[in-house]
C-alpha atoms as a PDB file:
ATOM      1  CA  MET A   1     102.802  80.332  80.664  1.00  0.00           C
ATOM      2  CA  GLU A   2     105.085  83.149  81.761  1.00  0.00           C
ATOM      3  CA  LYS A   3     102.305  85.663  81.158  1.00  0.00           C
ATOM      4  CA  LEU A   4      99.972  83.642  83.379  1.00  0.00           C
ATOM      5  CA  LYS A   5     102.524  83.650  86.207  1.00  0.00           C
ATOM      6  CA  HIS A   6     102.952  87.404  85.828  1.00  0.00           C
ATOM      7  CA  LEU A   7      99.182  87.986  85.908  1.00  0.00           C
ATOM      8  CA  LEU A   8      98.747  85.807  88.990  1.00  0.00           C
ATOM      9  CA  ALA A   9     101.531  87.709  90.747  1.00  0.00           C
ATOM     10  CA  GLN A  10      99.847  91.026  89.884  1.00  0.00           C
ATOM     11  CA  LYS A  11      96.522  89.668  91.120  1.00  0.00           C
ATOM     12  CA  ALA A  12      98.045  88.684  94.461  1.00  0.00           C
ATOM     13  CA  LEU A  13      99.691  92.097  94.819  1.00  0.00           C
ATOM     14  CA  ILE A  14      96.466  93.965  94.062  1.00  0.00           C
ATOM     15  CA  LYS A  15      94.492  91.807  96.498  1.00  0.00           C
ATOM     16  CA  ALA A  16      97.069  92.447  99.233  1.00  0.00           C
ATOM     17  CA  THR A  17      96.961  96.178  98.548  1.00  0.00           C
ATOM     18  CA  MET A  18      93.161  96.207  98.604  1.00  0.00           C
ATOM     19  CA  GLN A  19      93.135  94.552 102.028  1.00  0.00           C
ATOM     20  CA  MET A  20      94.988  97.540 103.439  1.00  0.00           C
ATOM     21  CA  MET A  21      92.567 100.037 101.867  1.00  0.00           C
ATOM     22  CA  ASP A  22      89.403 101.340 103.440  1.00  0.00           C
ATOM     23  CA  ILE A  23      86.557  99.629 101.566  1.00  0.00           C
ATOM     24  CA  ASP A  24      84.017 102.026 103.057  1.00  0.00           C
ATOM     25  CA  SER A  25      85.616 105.074 101.448  1.00  0.00           C
ATOM     26  CA  HIS A  26      83.461 107.308  99.322  1.00  0.00           C
ATOM     27  CA  PHE A  27      84.236 107.219  95.612  1.00  0.00           C
ATOM     28  CA  ASP A  28      84.674 110.977  95.574  1.00  0.00           C
ATOM     29  CA  SER A  29      87.718 110.613  97.835  1.00  0.00           C
ATOM     30  CA  GLU A  30      91.210 109.671  96.680  1.00  0.00           C
ATOM     31  CA  GLU A  31      91.109 106.420  98.656  1.00  0.00           C
ATOM     32  CA  GLY A  32      87.774 105.484  97.086  1.00  0.00           C
ATOM     33  CA  ARG A  33      89.061 106.170  93.581  1.00  0.00           C
ATOM     34  CA  ARG A  34      92.164 104.066  94.183  1.00  0.00           C
ATOM     35  CA  TYR A  35      90.013 101.226  95.525  1.00  0.00           C
ATOM     36  CA  ALA A  36      87.713 101.391  92.491  1.00  0.00           C
ATOM     37  CA  LEU A  37      90.719 101.408  90.152  1.00  0.00           C
ATOM     38  CA  ALA A  38      92.166  98.377  91.940  1.00  0.00           C
ATOM     39  CA  LEU A  39      88.839  96.560  91.491  1.00  0.00           C
ATOM     40  CA  VAL A  40      88.857  97.335  87.779  1.00  0.00           C
ATOM     41  CA  ARG A  41      92.424  96.087  87.429  1.00  0.00           C
ATOM     42  CA  LEU A  42      91.533  92.927  89.321  1.00  0.00           C
ATOM     43  CA  VAL A  43      88.608  92.224  86.989  1.00  0.00           C
ATOM     44  CA  LEU A  44      90.764  92.802  83.910  1.00  0.00           C
ATOM     45  CA  ILE A  45      93.436  90.457  85.240  1.00  0.00           C
ATOM     46  CA  ASN A  46      90.815  87.800  85.972  1.00  0.00           C
ATOM     47  CA  MET A  47      89.507  88.124  82.417  1.00  0.00           C
ATOM     48  CA  GLN A  48      93.012  87.707  80.985  1.00  0.00           C
ATOM     49  CA  VAL A  49      93.682  84.671  83.187  1.00  0.00           C
ATOM     50  CA  GLU A  50      90.412  83.071  82.074  1.00  0.00           C
ATOM     51  CA  GLU A  51      91.287  83.709  78.424  1.00  0.00           C
ATOM     52  CA  ILE A  52      94.712  82.100  78.821  1.00  0.00           C
ATOM     53  CA  GLU A  53      93.167  79.104  80.588  1.00  0.00           C
ATOM     54  CA  LYS A  54      90.569  78.697  77.816  1.00  0.00           C
ATOM     55  CA  GLU A  55      93.267  78.798  75.135  1.00  0.00           C
ATOM     56  CA  ALA A  56      95.302  76.228  77.049  1.00  0.00           C
ATOM     57  CA  ALA A  57      92.273  73.941  77.370  1.00  0.00           C
ATOM     58  CA  HIS A  58      91.690  74.026  73.610  1.00  0.00           C
ATOM     59  CA  LYS A  59      95.249  72.938  72.845  1.00  0.00           C
END
């Protein structure tokens, strides 16, 4: 349960950070690369949250 709270906190932080970024940046710029990396991290966190929720549902 603690891991889920940590992941949700990270997700909120990444989403807040992404809102301040320029979403129209080109991927060959530093801003674009950081935005793409944030998207990847967000997807990975979502996958981990879903896995934890599935395990909890089976118990």
